[in-house]
Amino acid sequence: MPNSEIEVVIPSTQPRAVVLVFGWFGSQLRHVNKYSQLYHARSCATVTGVADTYGLIVADKQTLDAFALEAAKKAVQVLKEVDQDLPVIAHVFSNGGTIPLNRLEILIHKAHRARASGSMTEMDEDLILLGKAMQKGGQIFDSSPCFPDYITGIRGIGSGIQNSIVRFVVQVAFLLMILIQTPLVWLSGEPSYTEQLWHHVMNRPITSRQAYVYSTQDNITNCDKLEDLIAHRQQTAGSENILVKKFTDSQHVLHLIKHPEEYAAFVDNMLQKVESGPPVPPLEETSDDEDDKRDWEEEHIIIGGASFRI
């Protein structure tokens, strides 16, 4: 699995939950571990990972799926070794964490379809087990999801790559890729990567319980789009299942540093919600026809998936 990192920590006492912590584009485990430590202090097991940088830039499905599957295997191993009834929480940052979570959810949907068709593998069984645990748990989105237009991509690359020469080269290559691919997507009439990702986060999460922490000062996350998404999720999943923490003075993925006590209280609130039981109402089921259509939309990624709406 190229340039991806995953680390597992299990507390000595009975864990309250298993938490998937997926870092942002350009981060390393040492950056993300301060968030995992919040959960260690609260007796939670963690599976902390950072997806491959190149795979994120070009939205390479094979690379991202490999990362998602490796994280899934490690989370399932914890469930099997400790307690299969534990809830699983996903705590993800920016689109660098949201996109791998999206891929993991799609793989879980596909595992259910494999079971229905009688072609289920051992990995499918593990994904279904993980999916059930994630349905009982929840998802925390820090500075995300970011509406993936070209401005978000350029700013995200600028924030995630420290070397100025490498950053400039990657940004230019990214723009050229968009300019080449966007007309092809329009001519094909097929859904763009932006449409696929936004359709998924709005309509196909694995659980009804979600939490969003963001700031109006974030110049990477499109606040208006995110608030539209939150309002949609409150309407479709029930406002009682959606937690929101809005800051006005912190930058992208820096809310914990700026507001440590409020951030920790936000995590505590989510853990208490999870321990109160599964989300009510439960996640709405979809028909086979709807699943077929959505699977096509989410799998039909054009030329490596790096197509954006300008």
C-alpha atoms as a PDB file:
ATOM      1  CA  MET A   1       0.000   0.000   0.000  1.00  0.00           C
ATOM      2  CA  PRO A   2       2.011   3.008  -1.209  1.00  0.00           C
ATOM      3  CA  ASN A   3       2.838   5.818   1.209  1.00  0.00           C
ATOM      4  CA  SER A   4      -0.092   5.081   3.525  1.00  0.00           C
ATOM      5  CA  GLU A   5       0.248   4.704   7.276  1.00  0.00           C
ATOM      6  CA  ILE A   6      -2.049   2.917   9.743  1.00  0.00           C
ATOM      7  CA  GLU A   7      -1.535   2.480  13.490  1.00  0.00           C
ATOM      8  CA  VAL A   8      -3.680   0.569  16.001  1.00  0.00           C
ATOM      9  CA  VAL A   9      -3.901   1.299  19.742  1.00  0.00           C
ATOM     10  CA  ILE A  10      -6.074  -0.763  22.116  1.00  0.00           C
ATOM     11  CA  PRO A  11      -6.533   0.387  25.744  1.00  0.00           C
ATOM     12  CA  SER A  12      -5.744  -1.961  28.621  1.00  0.00           C
ATOM     13  CA  THR A  13      -9.326  -1.612  29.881  1.00  0.00           C
ATOM     14  CA  GLN A  14     -12.516  -2.565  28.011  1.00  0.00           C
ATOM     15  CA  PRO A  15     -12.846  -0.050  25.147  1.00  0.00           C
ATOM     16  CA  ARG A  16     -15.930   2.160  24.919  1.00  0.00           C
ATOM     17  CA  ALA A  17     -15.682   2.193  21.132  1.00  0.00           C
ATOM     18  CA  VAL A  18     -13.337   1.666  18.203  1.00  0.00           C
ATOM     19  CA  VAL A  19     -12.484   4.906  16.405  1.00  0.00           C
ATOM     20  CA  LEU A  20     -11.251   5.178  12.821  1.00  0.00           C
ATOM     21  CA  VAL A  21      -9.166   8.364  12.616  1.00  0.00           C
ATOM     22  CA  PHE A  22      -8.355   9.365   9.010  1.00  0.00           C
ATOM     23  CA  GLY A  23      -5.966  12.298   8.578  1.00  0.00           C
ATOM     24  CA  TRP A  24      -6.028  15.181   6.121  1.00  0.00           C
ATOM     25  CA  PHE A  25      -4.122  15.541   2.852  1.00  0.00           C
ATOM     26  CA  GLY A  26      -0.412  16.079   3.574  1.00  0.00           C
ATOM     27  CA  SER A  27      -0.626  14.994   7.208  1.00  0.00           C
ATOM     28  CA  GLN A  28       1.457  12.339   8.913  1.00  0.00           C
ATOM     29  CA  LEU A  29       0.631  10.024  11.803  1.00  0.00           C
ATOM     30  CA  ARG A  30       2.465  12.300  14.246  1.00  0.00           C
ATOM     31  CA  HIS A  31       0.089  15.120  13.281  1.00  0.00           C
ATOM     32  CA  VAL A  32      -3.072  13.028  13.548  1.00  0.00           C
ATOM     33  CA  ASN A  33      -2.125  11.161  16.726  1.00  0.00           C
ATOM     34  CA  LYS A  34      -3.014  14.122  18.947  1.00  0.00           C
ATOM     35  CA  TYR A  35      -6.630  13.456  17.987  1.00  0.00           C
ATOM     36  CA  SER A  36      -6.277   9.731  18.583  1.00  0.00           C
ATOM     37  CA  GLN A  37      -4.911  10.562  22.034  1.00  0.00           C
ATOM     38  CA  LEU A  38      -8.216  12.256  22.865  1.00  0.00           C
ATOM     39  CA  TYR A  39      -9.840   8.865  22.424  1.00  0.00           C
ATOM     40  CA  HIS A  40      -7.086   6.981  24.257  1.00  0.00           C
ATOM     41  CA  ALA A  41      -7.744   9.228  27.268  1.00  0.00           C
ATOM     42  CA  ARG A  42     -11.410   8.205  26.993  1.00  0.00           C
ATOM     43  CA  SER A  43     -10.721   4.450  26.892  1.00  0.00           C
ATOM     44  CA  CYS A  44     -11.334   4.001  23.163  1.00  0.00           C
ATOM     45  CA  ALA A  45      -9.382   1.836  20.744  1.00  0.00           C
ATOM     46  CA  THR A  46      -8.149   3.672  17.657  1.00  0.00           C
ATOM     47  CA  VAL A  47      -7.206   2.789  14.093  1.00  0.00           C
ATOM     48  CA  THR A  48      -5.358   5.866  12.855  1.00  0.00           C
ATOM     49  CA  GLY A  49      -4.419   6.261   9.212  1.00  0.00           C
ATOM     50  CA  VAL A  50      -3.293   8.695   6.516  1.00  0.00           C
ATOM     51  CA  ALA A  51      -4.134   7.870   2.907  1.00  0.00           C
ATOM     52  CA  ASP A  52      -1.600   7.983   0.095  1.00  0.00           C
ATOM     53  CA  THR A  53      -0.941  11.550  -1.128  1.00  0.00           C
ATOM     54  CA  TYR A  54      -0.910  10.733  -4.850  1.00  0.00           C
ATOM     55  CA  GLY A  55      -4.006   8.587  -4.522  1.00  0.00           C
ATOM     56  CA  LEU A  56      -5.854  11.535  -2.987  1.00  0.00           C
ATOM     57  CA  ILE A  57      -4.715  14.048  -5.627  1.00  0.00           C
ATOM     58  CA  VAL A  58      -5.924  11.952  -8.576  1.00  0.00           C
ATOM     59  CA  ALA A  59      -8.702  10.137  -6.650  1.00  0.00           C
ATOM     60  CA  ASP A  60      -7.205   6.790  -7.644  1.00  0.00           C
ATOM     61  CA  LYS A  61      -9.835   4.229  -6.692  1.00  0.00           C
ATOM     62  CA  GLN A  62      -7.433   1.279  -6.424  1.00  0.00           C
ATOM     63  CA  THR A  63      -5.063   3.075  -4.054  1.00  0.00           C
ATOM     64  CA  LEU A  64      -7.836   4.526  -1.899  1.00  0.00           C
ATOM     65  CA  ASP A  65      -9.663   1.202  -1.718  1.00  0.00           C
ATOM     66  CA  ALA A  66      -6.451  -0.525  -0.612  1.00  0.00           C
ATOM     67  CA  PHE A  67      -6.111   1.971   2.230  1.00  0.00           C
ATOM     68  CA  ALA A  68      -9.798   1.668   3.199  1.00  0.00           C
ATOM     69  CA  LEU A  69      -9.606  -2.138   3.192  1.00  0.00           C
ATOM     70  CA  GLU A  70      -6.446  -2.195   5.292  1.00  0.00           C
ATOM     71  CA  ALA A  71      -8.059   0.113   7.865  1.00  0.00           C
ATOM     72  CA  ALA A  72     -11.196  -2.065   7.777  1.00  0.00           C
ATOM     73  CA  LYS A  73      -9.159  -5.232   8.404  1.00  0.00           C
ATOM     74  CA  LYS A  74      -7.456  -3.683  11.428  1.00  0.00           C
ATOM     75  CA  ALA A  75     -10.746  -2.378  12.851  1.00  0.00           C
ATOM     76  CA  VAL A  76     -12.433  -5.771  12.390  1.00  0.00           C
ATOM     77  CA  GLN A  77      -9.477  -7.485  14.041  1.00  0.00           C
ATOM     78  CA  VAL A  78      -9.992  -5.261  17.096  1.00  0.00           C
ATOM     79  CA  LEU A  79     -13.714  -6.066  17.134  1.00  0.00           C
ATOM     80  CA  LYS A  80     -13.072  -9.803  16.900  1.00  0.00           C
ATOM     81  CA  GLU A  81     -10.330  -9.776  19.538  1.00  0.00           C
ATOM     82  CA  VAL A  82     -12.105  -7.494  22.015  1.00  0.00           C
ATOM     83  CA  ASP A  83     -15.875  -7.291  21.474  1.00  0.00           C
ATOM     84  CA  GLN A  84     -17.874  -7.534  18.238  1.00  0.00           C
ATOM     85  CA  ASP A  85     -20.688  -5.497  19.807  1.00  0.00           C
ATOM     86  CA  LEU A  86     -18.540  -2.381  20.151  1.00  0.00           C
ATOM     87  CA  PRO A  87     -19.669   0.651  18.134  1.00  0.00           C
ATOM     88  CA  VAL A  88     -17.284   2.111  15.560  1.00  0.00           C
ATOM     89  CA  ILE A  89     -16.862   5.875  15.152  1.00  0.00           C
ATOM     90  CA  ALA A  90     -15.174   7.460  12.132  1.00  0.00           C
ATOM     91  CA  HIS A  91     -13.396  10.767  12.887  1.00  0.00           C
ATOM     92  CA  VAL A  92     -12.141  12.222   9.614  1.00  0.00           C
ATOM     93  CA  PHE A  93     -10.377  15.418   8.594  1.00  0.00           C
ATOM     94  CA  SER A  94     -10.844  17.469   5.446  1.00  0.00           C
ATOM     95  CA  ASN A  95     -11.328  15.560   2.186  1.00  0.00           C
ATOM     96  CA  GLY A  96      -8.111  13.640   2.838  1.00  0.00           C
ATOM     97  CA  GLY A  97     -10.109  11.730   5.455  1.00  0.00           C
ATOM     98  CA  THR A  98     -13.584  12.045   3.943  1.00  0.00           C
ATOM     99  CA  ILE A  99     -12.685  10.459   0.595  1.00  0.00           C
ATOM    100  CA  PRO A 100     -11.256   7.228   2.130  1.00  0.00           C
ATOM    101  CA  LEU A 101     -14.334   7.031   4.372  1.00  0.00           C
ATOM    102  CA  ASN A 102     -16.481   7.418   1.257  1.00  0.00           C
ATOM    103  CA  ARG A 103     -14.608   4.537  -0.403  1.00  0.00           C
ATOM    104  CA  LEU A 104     -14.998   2.375   2.724  1.00  0.00           C
ATOM    105  CA  GLU A 105     -18.749   2.967   2.769  1.00  0.00           C
ATOM    106  CA  ILE A 106     -19.036   2.063  -0.913  1.00  0.00           C
ATOM    107  CA  LEU A 107     -17.112  -1.168  -0.251  1.00  0.00           C
ATOM    108  CA  ILE A 108     -19.528  -1.990   2.583  1.00  0.00           C
ATOM    109  CA  HIS A 109     -22.518  -1.361   0.299  1.00  0.00           C
ATOM    110  CA  LYS A 110     -20.933  -3.670  -2.302  1.00  0.00           C
ATOM    111  CA  ALA A 111     -20.354  -6.358   0.361  1.00  0.00           C
ATOM    112  CA  HIS A 112     -24.084  -6.356   1.152  1.00  0.00           C
ATOM    113  CA  ARG A 113     -24.870  -6.750  -2.532  1.00  0.00           C
ATOM    114  CA  ALA A 114     -22.379  -9.619  -2.774  1.00  0.00           C
ATOM    115  CA  ARG A 115     -24.181 -11.361   0.096  1.00  0.00           C
ATOM    116  CA  ALA A 116     -27.539 -10.843  -1.629  1.00  0.00           C
ATOM    117  CA  SER A 117     -26.169 -12.381  -4.840  1.00  0.00           C
ATOM    118  CA  GLY A 118     -24.546 -15.341  -3.081  1.00  0.00           C
ATOM    119  CA  SER A 119     -20.984 -14.321  -4.017  1.00  0.00           C
ATOM    120  CA  MET A 120     -19.804 -13.099  -0.617  1.00  0.00           C
ATOM    121  CA  THR A 121     -16.133 -13.491   0.330  1.00  0.00           C
ATOM    122  CA  GLU A 122     -14.513 -13.554   3.768  1.00  0.00           C
ATOM    123  CA  MET A 123     -13.580  -9.884   3.289  1.00  0.00           C
ATOM    124  CA  ASP A 124     -17.209  -9.095   2.489  1.00  0.00           C
ATOM    125  CA  GLU A 125     -18.230 -10.755   5.778  1.00  0.00           C
ATOM    126  CA  ASP A 126     -15.752  -8.550   7.647  1.00  0.00           C
ATOM    127  CA  LEU A 127     -16.986  -5.419   5.865  1.00  0.00           C
ATOM    128  CA  ILE A 128     -20.583  -6.251   6.791  1.00  0.00           C
ATOM    129  CA  LEU A 129     -19.535  -6.722  10.429  1.00  0.00           C
ATOM    130  CA  LEU A 130     -17.740  -3.371  10.339  1.00  0.00           C
ATOM    131  CA  GLY A 131     -20.724  -1.704   8.672  1.00  0.00           C
ATOM    132  CA  LYS A 132     -23.062  -2.848  11.458  1.00  0.00           C
ATOM    133  CA  ALA A 133     -20.652  -1.478  14.059  1.00  0.00           C
ATOM    134  CA  MET A 134     -20.421   1.829  12.176  1.00  0.00           C
ATOM    135  CA  GLN A 135     -24.229   2.061  11.998  1.00  0.00           C
ATOM    136  CA  LYS A 136     -24.321   1.851  15.808  1.00  0.00           C
ATOM    137  CA  GLY A 137     -21.548   4.413  16.110  1.00  0.00           C
ATOM    138  CA  GLY A 138     -21.239   7.667  14.229  1.00  0.00           C
ATOM    139  CA  GLN A 139     -19.084   9.974  12.159  1.00  0.00           C
ATOM    140  CA  ILE A 140     -17.249  13.176  13.058  1.00  0.00           C
ATOM    141  CA  PHE A 141     -16.234  15.489  10.209  1.00  0.00           C
ATOM    142  CA  ASP A 142     -13.533  18.020  11.070  1.00  0.00           C
ATOM    143  CA  SER A 143     -13.265  20.811   8.444  1.00  0.00           C
ATOM    144  CA  SER A 144     -15.126  18.571   6.046  1.00  0.00           C
ATOM    145  CA  PRO A 145     -16.553  17.529   3.747  1.00  0.00           C
ATOM    146  CA  CYS A 146     -14.986  20.173   1.517  1.00  0.00           C
ATOM    147  CA  PHE A 147     -16.987  20.782  -1.650  1.00  0.00           C
ATOM    148  CA  PRO A 148     -14.421  19.509  -4.202  1.00  0.00           C
ATOM    149  CA  ASP A 149     -14.205  22.308  -6.758  1.00  0.00           C
ATOM    150  CA  TYR A 150     -10.916  23.420  -8.293  1.00  0.00           C
ATOM    151  CA  ILE A 151     -10.432  26.218  -5.708  1.00  0.00           C
ATOM    152  CA  THR A 152     -10.661  23.697  -2.873  1.00  0.00           C
ATOM    153  CA  GLY A 153      -8.172  21.446  -4.677  1.00  0.00           C
ATOM    154  CA  ILE A 154      -5.613  24.211  -5.261  1.00  0.00           C
ATOM    155  CA  ARG A 155      -5.870  25.517  -1.698  1.00  0.00           C
ATOM    156  CA  GLY A 156      -5.767  22.010  -0.257  1.00  0.00           C
ATOM    157  CA  ILE A 157      -2.586  21.196  -2.192  1.00  0.00           C
ATOM    158  CA  GLY A 158      -1.104  24.491  -1.067  1.00  0.00           C
ATOM    159  CA  SER A 159      -1.839  23.660   2.542  1.00  0.00           C
ATOM    160  CA  GLY A 160      -0.729  20.022   2.390  1.00  0.00           C
ATOM    161  CA  ILE A 161       2.604  20.315   0.540  1.00  0.00           C
ATOM    162  CA  GLN A 162       5.272  22.290   2.357  1.00  0.00           C
ATOM    163  CA  ASN A 163       8.023  22.394  -0.278  1.00  0.00           C
ATOM    164  CA  SER A 164       7.292  25.484  -2.409  1.00  0.00           C
ATOM    165  CA  ILE A 165       8.729  24.071  -5.658  1.00  0.00           C
ATOM    166  CA  VAL A 166       6.904  20.744  -5.337  1.00  0.00           C
ATOM    167  CA  ARG A 167       3.734  22.593  -4.333  1.00  0.00           C
ATOM    168  CA  PHE A 168       3.857  24.813  -7.432  1.00  0.00           C
ATOM    169  CA  VAL A 169       4.502  21.869  -9.777  1.00  0.00           C
ATOM    170  CA  VAL A 170       1.647  19.825  -8.289  1.00  0.00           C
ATOM    171  CA  GLN A 171      -0.763  22.762  -8.413  1.00  0.00           C
ATOM    172  CA  VAL A 172       0.031  23.428 -12.085  1.00  0.00           C
ATOM    173  CA  ALA A 173      -0.336  19.722 -12.936  1.00  0.00           C
ATOM    174  CA  PHE A 174      -3.621  19.628 -11.031  1.00  0.00           C
ATOM    175  CA  LEU A 175      -5.007  22.598 -12.993  1.00  0.00           C
ATOM    176  CA  LEU A 176      -3.931  21.104 -16.308  1.00  0.00           C
ATOM    177  CA  MET A 177      -5.593  17.825 -15.392  1.00  0.00           C
ATOM    178  CA  ILE A 178      -8.844  19.649 -14.609  1.00  0.00           C
ATOM    179  CA  LEU A 179      -8.723  21.669 -17.845  1.00  0.00           C
ATOM    180  CA  ILE A 180      -8.244  18.490 -19.880  1.00  0.00           C
ATOM    181  CA  GLN A 181     -10.783  16.334 -18.101  1.00  0.00           C
ATOM    182  CA  THR A 182     -13.651  18.746 -17.426  1.00  0.00           C
ATOM    183  CA  PRO A 183     -14.773  19.045 -21.097  1.00  0.00           C
ATOM    184  CA  LEU A 184     -14.638  15.249 -21.392  1.00  0.00           C
ATOM    185  CA  VAL A 185     -16.913  14.883 -18.376  1.00  0.00           C
ATOM    186  CA  TRP A 186     -19.384  17.449 -19.720  1.00  0.00           C
ATOM    187  CA  LEU A 187     -19.450  15.791 -23.147  1.00  0.00           C
ATOM    188  CA  SER A 188     -19.931  12.327 -21.677  1.00  0.00           C
ATOM    189  CA  GLY A 189     -22.956  13.379 -19.634  1.00  0.00           C
ATOM    190  CA  GLU A 190     -21.674  11.200 -16.793  1.00  0.00           C
ATOM    191  CA  PRO A 191     -21.461  12.405 -13.183  1.00  0.00           C
ATOM    192  CA  SER A 192     -18.301  14.295 -12.284  1.00  0.00           C
ATOM    193  CA  TYR A 193     -16.157  13.406  -9.280  1.00  0.00           C
ATOM    194  CA  THR A 194     -17.622  16.409  -7.464  1.00  0.00           C
ATOM    195  CA  GLU A 195     -21.161  15.181  -8.102  1.00  0.00           C
ATOM    196  CA  GLN A 196     -20.301  11.635  -7.032  1.00  0.00           C
ATOM    197  CA  LEU A 197     -18.667  12.647  -3.745  1.00  0.00           C
ATOM    198  CA  TRP A 198     -21.314  15.209  -2.833  1.00  0.00           C
ATOM    199  CA  HIS A 199     -24.133  12.819  -3.706  1.00  0.00           C
ATOM    200  CA  HIS A 200     -22.596  10.236  -1.392  1.00  0.00           C
ATOM    201  CA  VAL A 201     -22.015  12.471   1.639  1.00  0.00           C
ATOM    202  CA  MET A 202     -25.536  13.883   1.320  1.00  0.00           C
ATOM    203  CA  ASN A 203     -27.427  10.645   0.753  1.00  0.00           C
ATOM    204  CA  ARG A 204     -25.410   7.472   1.418  1.00  0.00           C
ATOM    205  CA  PRO A 205     -23.527   7.617   4.731  1.00  0.00           C
ATOM    206  CA  ILE A 206     -23.344   4.343   6.639  1.00  0.00           C
ATOM    207  CA  THR A 207     -24.938   5.844   9.772  1.00  0.00           C
ATOM    208  CA  SER A 208     -27.536   8.472  10.593  1.00  0.00           C
ATOM    209  CA  ARG A 209     -25.468   9.874  13.477  1.00  0.00           C
ATOM    210  CA  GLN A 210     -22.988  12.539  12.392  1.00  0.00           C
ATOM    211  CA  ALA A 211     -21.122  15.483  13.879  1.00  0.00           C
ATOM    212  CA  TYR A 212     -19.589  18.464  12.118  1.00  0.00           C
ATOM    213  CA  VAL A 213     -16.944  20.803  13.509  1.00  0.00           C
ATOM    214  CA  TYR A 214     -15.892  23.707  11.283  1.00  0.00           C
ATOM    215  CA  SER A 215     -15.072  27.412  11.162  1.00  0.00           C
ATOM    216  CA  THR A 216     -16.192  30.372   9.094  1.00  0.00           C
ATOM    217  CA  GLN A 217     -12.514  31.398   8.873  1.00  0.00           C
ATOM    218  CA  ASP A 218     -11.530  28.194   7.061  1.00  0.00           C
ATOM    219  CA  ASN A 219     -10.374  29.184   3.553  1.00  0.00           C
ATOM    220  CA  ILE A 220     -10.399  25.594   2.238  1.00  0.00           C
ATOM    221  CA  THR A 221     -13.772  24.262   3.391  1.00  0.00           C
ATOM    222  CA  ASN A 222     -16.662  25.976   1.592  1.00  0.00           C
ATOM    223  CA  CYS A 223     -18.760  27.025   4.571  1.00  0.00           C
ATOM    224  CA  ASP A 224     -21.953  27.697   2.589  1.00  0.00           C
ATOM    225  CA  LYS A 225     -21.858  24.286   0.907  1.00  0.00           C
ATOM    226  CA  LEU A 226     -21.092  22.561   4.209  1.00  0.00           C
ATOM    227  CA  GLU A 227     -23.981  24.283   5.976  1.00  0.00           C
ATOM    228  CA  ASP A 228     -26.303  23.274   3.122  1.00  0.00           C
ATOM    229  CA  LEU A 229     -25.116  19.688   3.619  1.00  0.00           C
ATOM    230  CA  ILE A 230     -25.678  19.879   7.399  1.00  0.00           C
ATOM    231  CA  ALA A 231     -29.205  21.234   6.893  1.00  0.00           C
ATOM    232  CA  HIS A 232     -29.928  18.398   4.443  1.00  0.00           C
ATOM    233  CA  ARG A 233     -28.646  15.775   6.880  1.00  0.00           C
ATOM    234  CA  GLN A 234     -30.688  17.294   9.736  1.00  0.00           C
ATOM    235  CA  GLN A 235     -33.794  17.026   7.602  1.00  0.00           C
ATOM    236  CA  THR A 236     -33.198  13.501   6.303  1.00  0.00           C
ATOM    237  CA  ALA A 237     -31.562  11.881   9.362  1.00  0.00           C
ATOM    238  CA  GLY A 238     -33.277  13.890  12.102  1.00  0.00           C
ATOM    239  CA  SER A 239     -31.757  16.869  13.885  1.00  0.00           C
ATOM    240  CA  GLU A 240     -31.359  14.791  17.052  1.00  0.00           C
ATOM    241  CA  ASN A 241     -28.753  12.679  15.222  1.00  0.00           C
ATOM    242  CA  ILE A 242     -26.659  15.605  13.975  1.00  0.00           C
ATOM    243  CA  LEU A 243     -24.211  17.463  16.226  1.00  0.00           C
ATOM    244  CA  VAL A 244     -22.723  20.772  15.071  1.00  0.00           C
ATOM    245  CA  LYS A 245     -19.878  22.881  16.475  1.00  0.00           C
ATOM    246  CA  LYS A 246     -19.227  26.103  14.580  1.00  0.00           C
ATOM    247  CA  PHE A 247     -16.217  28.330  15.284  1.00  0.00           C
ATOM    248  CA  THR A 248     -15.491  31.768  13.862  1.00  0.00           C
ATOM    249  CA  ASP A 249     -11.750  32.153  14.396  1.00  0.00           C
ATOM    250  CA  SER A 250      -9.923  28.864  13.656  1.00  0.00           C
ATOM    251  CA  GLN A 251      -8.306  27.731  10.426  1.00  0.00           C
ATOM    252  CA  HIS A 252      -8.557  24.469   8.503  1.00  0.00           C
ATOM    253  CA  VAL A 253      -8.089  21.381  10.785  1.00  0.00           C
ATOM    254  CA  LEU A 254      -6.802  23.653  13.577  1.00  0.00           C
ATOM    255  CA  HIS A 255      -9.938  23.767  15.731  1.00  0.00           C
ATOM    256  CA  LEU A 256      -8.473  21.509  18.443  1.00  0.00           C
ATOM    257  CA  ILE A 257      -5.392  23.718  18.763  1.00  0.00           C
ATOM    258  CA  LYS A 258      -7.457  26.917  18.949  1.00  0.00           C
ATOM    259  CA  HIS A 259     -10.246  25.546  21.160  1.00  0.00           C
ATOM    260  CA  PRO A 260      -8.952  22.459  23.027  1.00  0.00           C
ATOM    261  CA  GLU A 261     -11.571  22.397  25.801  1.00  0.00           C
ATOM    262  CA  GLU A 262     -14.549  22.929  23.492  1.00  0.00           C
ATOM    263  CA  TYR A 263     -13.209  20.354  21.047  1.00  0.00           C
ATOM    264  CA  ALA A 264     -12.774  17.762  23.807  1.00  0.00           C
ATOM    265  CA  ALA A 265     -16.311  18.474  25.053  1.00  0.00           C
ATOM    266  CA  PHE A 266     -17.561  17.962  21.486  1.00  0.00           C
ATOM    267  CA  VAL A 267     -15.902  14.520  21.382  1.00  0.00           C
ATOM    268  CA  ASP A 268     -17.372  13.693  24.812  1.00  0.00           C
ATOM    269  CA  ASN A 269     -20.823  14.662  23.572  1.00  0.00           C
ATOM    270  CA  MET A 270     -20.467  12.328  20.591  1.00  0.00           C
ATOM    271  CA  LEU A 271     -19.284   9.430  22.756  1.00  0.00           C
ATOM    272  CA  GLN A 272     -22.240   9.927  25.085  1.00  0.00           C
ATOM    273  CA  LYS A 273     -24.605   9.908  22.102  1.00  0.00           C
ATOM    274  CA  VAL A 274     -23.064   6.659  20.841  1.00  0.00           C
ATOM    275  CA  GLU A 275     -23.261   5.018  24.272  1.00  0.00           C
ATOM    276  CA  SER A 276     -26.953   5.956  24.517  1.00  0.00           C
ATOM    277  CA  GLY A 277     -27.681   3.465  21.752  1.00  0.00           C
ATOM    278  CA  PRO A 278     -28.061   3.295  17.961  1.00  0.00           C
ATOM    279  CA  PRO A 279     -29.301   6.395  16.140  1.00  0.00           C
ATOM    280  CA  VAL A 280     -33.061   6.948  16.143  1.00  0.00           C
ATOM    281  CA  PRO A 281     -34.515   6.805  13.561  1.00  0.00           C
ATOM    282  CA  PRO A 282     -32.210   4.166  12.046  1.00  0.00           C
ATOM    283  CA  LEU A 283     -30.562   4.602   8.666  1.00  0.00           C
ATOM    284  CA  GLU A 284     -33.201   4.466   5.928  1.00  0.00           C
ATOM    285  CA  GLU A 285     -32.975   1.435   3.657  1.00  0.00           C
ATOM    286  CA  THR A 286     -32.991   1.812  -0.142  1.00  0.00           C
ATOM    287  CA  SER A 287     -34.398  -0.407  -2.871  1.00  0.00           C
ATOM    288  CA  ASP A 288     -32.294  -2.554  -5.201  1.00  0.00           C
ATOM    289  CA  ASP A 289     -33.012  -0.216  -8.116  1.00  0.00           C
ATOM    290  CA  GLU A 290     -31.819   2.788  -6.118  1.00  0.00           C
ATOM    291  CA  ASP A 291     -28.698   0.901  -5.032  1.00  0.00           C
ATOM    292  CA  ASP A 292     -27.919  -0.091  -8.622  1.00  0.00           C
ATOM    293  CA  LYS A 293     -28.206   3.513  -9.789  1.00  0.00           C
ATOM    294  CA  ARG A 294     -26.139   4.875  -6.906  1.00  0.00           C
ATOM    295  CA  ASP A 295     -23.459   2.216  -7.262  1.00  0.00           C
ATOM    296  CA  TRP A 296     -23.090   3.190 -10.933  1.00  0.00           C
ATOM    297  CA  GLU A 297     -22.871   6.876 -10.077  1.00  0.00           C
ATOM    298  CA  GLU A 298     -20.262   6.320  -7.391  1.00  0.00           C
ATOM    299  CA  GLU A 299     -18.137   3.829  -9.313  1.00  0.00           C
ATOM    300  CA  HIS A 300     -18.106   5.566 -12.706  1.00  0.00           C
ATOM    301  CA  ILE A 301     -15.070   7.758 -12.096  1.00  0.00           C
ATOM    302  CA  ILE A 302     -13.657   9.372 -15.231  1.00  0.00           C
ATOM    303  CA  ILE A 303      -9.922   8.997 -16.018  1.00  0.00           C
ATOM    304  CA  GLY A 304      -8.697   8.222 -12.532  1.00  0.00           C
ATOM    305  CA  GLY A 305     -11.413  10.272 -10.875  1.00  0.00           C
ATOM    306  CA  ALA A 306      -9.803  13.696 -10.946  1.00  0.00           C
ATOM    307  CA  SER A 307     -12.678  15.461 -12.726  1.00  0.00           C
ATOM    308  CA  PHE A 308     -14.053  18.578 -11.042  1.00  0.00           C
ATOM    309  CA  ARG A 309     -16.809  21.032 -11.833  1.00  0.00           C
ATOM    310  CA  ILE A 310     -15.339  24.498 -12.427  1.00  0.00           C
END
